[in-house]
């Protein structure tokens, strides 16, 4: 995460917020960023592959 993204996130927060709220938002943004990098690197499952992997859990 870049400093500018962190500053933008803080600017978008309400005037009063808890550290927990900020941390939650930062963690979500970090996970989104990680997912985007994985997609760019081709590290993802197609819908069909995901269904096969989850088949045993969805019974």
C-alpha atoms as a PDB file:
ATOM      1  CA  UNK A   1       0.000   0.000   0.000  1.00  0.00           C
ATOM      2  CA  UNK A   2       1.297   3.434  -0.880  1.00  0.00           C
ATOM      3  CA  UNK A   3       1.324   6.388   1.467  1.00  0.00           C
ATOM      4  CA  UNK A   4      -1.008   8.304  -0.858  1.00  0.00           C
ATOM      5  CA  UNK A   5      -3.574   5.498  -0.678  1.00  0.00           C
ATOM      6  CA  UNK A   6      -3.332   5.503   3.118  1.00  0.00           C
ATOM      7  CA  UNK A   7      -3.844   9.268   3.240  1.00  0.00           C
ATOM      8  CA  UNK A   8      -6.825   9.048   0.859  1.00  0.00           C
ATOM      9  CA  UNK A   9      -8.355   6.352   3.037  1.00  0.00           C
ATOM     10  CA  UNK A  10      -7.998   8.519   6.139  1.00  0.00           C
ATOM     11  CA  UNK A  11      -9.478  11.502   4.285  1.00  0.00           C
ATOM     12  CA  UNK A  12     -12.497   9.380   3.301  1.00  0.00           C
ATOM     13  CA  UNK A  13     -13.158   8.365   6.907  1.00  0.00           C
ATOM     14  CA  UNK A  14     -15.730  10.284   8.968  1.00  0.00           C
ATOM     15  CA  UNK A  15     -14.507  13.049  11.270  1.00  0.00           C
ATOM     16  CA  UNK A  16     -14.479  10.644  14.209  1.00  0.00           C
ATOM     17  CA  UNK A  17     -13.592   6.966  13.885  1.00  0.00           C
ATOM     18  CA  UNK A  18     -11.953   4.249  15.898  1.00  0.00           C
ATOM     19  CA  UNK A  19      -8.594   2.708  15.188  1.00  0.00           C
ATOM     20  CA  UNK A  20     -10.429  -0.595  14.698  1.00  0.00           C
ATOM     21  CA  UNK A  21     -12.548   0.927  11.917  1.00  0.00           C
ATOM     22  CA  UNK A  22      -9.459   2.278  10.191  1.00  0.00           C
ATOM     23  CA  UNK A  23      -7.617  -1.029  10.520  1.00  0.00           C
ATOM     24  CA  UNK A  24     -10.616  -2.916   9.112  1.00  0.00           C
ATOM     25  CA  UNK A  25     -10.760  -0.641   6.081  1.00  0.00           C
ATOM     26  CA  UNK A  26      -7.007  -0.901   5.524  1.00  0.00           C
ATOM     27  CA  UNK A  27      -7.133  -4.695   5.736  1.00  0.00           C
ATOM     28  CA  UNK A  28      -9.928  -4.808   3.156  1.00  0.00           C
ATOM     29  CA  UNK A  29      -7.966  -2.575   0.800  1.00  0.00           C
ATOM     30  CA  UNK A  30      -4.860  -4.737   1.298  1.00  0.00           C
ATOM     31  CA  UNK A  31      -6.815  -7.908   0.458  1.00  0.00           C
ATOM     32  CA  UNK A  32      -8.232  -6.288  -2.691  1.00  0.00           C
ATOM     33  CA  UNK A  33      -4.735  -5.241  -3.746  1.00  0.00           C
ATOM     34  CA  UNK A  34      -3.397  -8.763  -3.130  1.00  0.00           C
ATOM     35  CA  UNK A  35      -6.237 -10.225  -5.203  1.00  0.00           C
ATOM     36  CA  UNK A  36      -5.479  -7.876  -8.087  1.00  0.00           C
ATOM     37  CA  UNK A  37      -1.810  -8.913  -8.029  1.00  0.00           C
ATOM     38  CA  UNK A  38      -2.802 -12.593  -8.017  1.00  0.00           C
ATOM     39  CA  UNK A  39      -5.062 -12.075 -11.027  1.00  0.00           C
ATOM     40  CA  UNK A  40      -2.263 -10.294 -12.912  1.00  0.00           C
ATOM     41  CA  UNK A  41       0.077 -13.202 -12.088  1.00  0.00           C
ATOM     42  CA  UNK A  42      -2.503 -15.729 -13.300  1.00  0.00           C
ATOM     43  CA  UNK A  43      -2.974 -17.173  -9.812  1.00  0.00           C
ATOM     44  CA  UNK A  44      -6.703 -17.773  -9.833  1.00  0.00           C
ATOM     45  CA  UNK A  45      -9.267 -20.495 -10.489  1.00  0.00           C
ATOM     46  CA  UNK A  46     -11.837 -20.473 -13.244  1.00  0.00           C
ATOM     47  CA  UNK A  47     -15.442 -20.806 -12.146  1.00  0.00           C
ATOM     48  CA  UNK A  48     -15.417 -24.475 -13.157  1.00  0.00           C
ATOM     49  CA  UNK A  49     -12.163 -25.164 -11.251  1.00  0.00           C
ATOM     50  CA  UNK A  50     -13.532 -23.434  -8.168  1.00  0.00           C
ATOM     51  CA  UNK A  51     -16.740 -25.481  -8.311  1.00  0.00           C
ATOM     52  CA  UNK A  52     -14.706 -28.707  -8.479  1.00  0.00           C
ATOM     53  CA  UNK A  53     -12.523 -27.658  -5.543  1.00  0.00           C
ATOM     54  CA  UNK A  54     -15.546 -26.664  -3.448  1.00  0.00           C
ATOM     55  CA  UNK A  55     -17.672 -29.661  -4.406  1.00  0.00           C
ATOM     56  CA  UNK A  56     -16.850 -31.617  -1.264  1.00  0.00           C
ATOM     57  CA  UNK A  57     -17.576 -28.611   0.984  1.00  0.00           C
ATOM     58  CA  UNK A  58     -20.924 -27.781  -0.599  1.00  0.00           C
ATOM     59  CA  UNK A  59     -22.529 -31.191   0.067  1.00  0.00           C
END
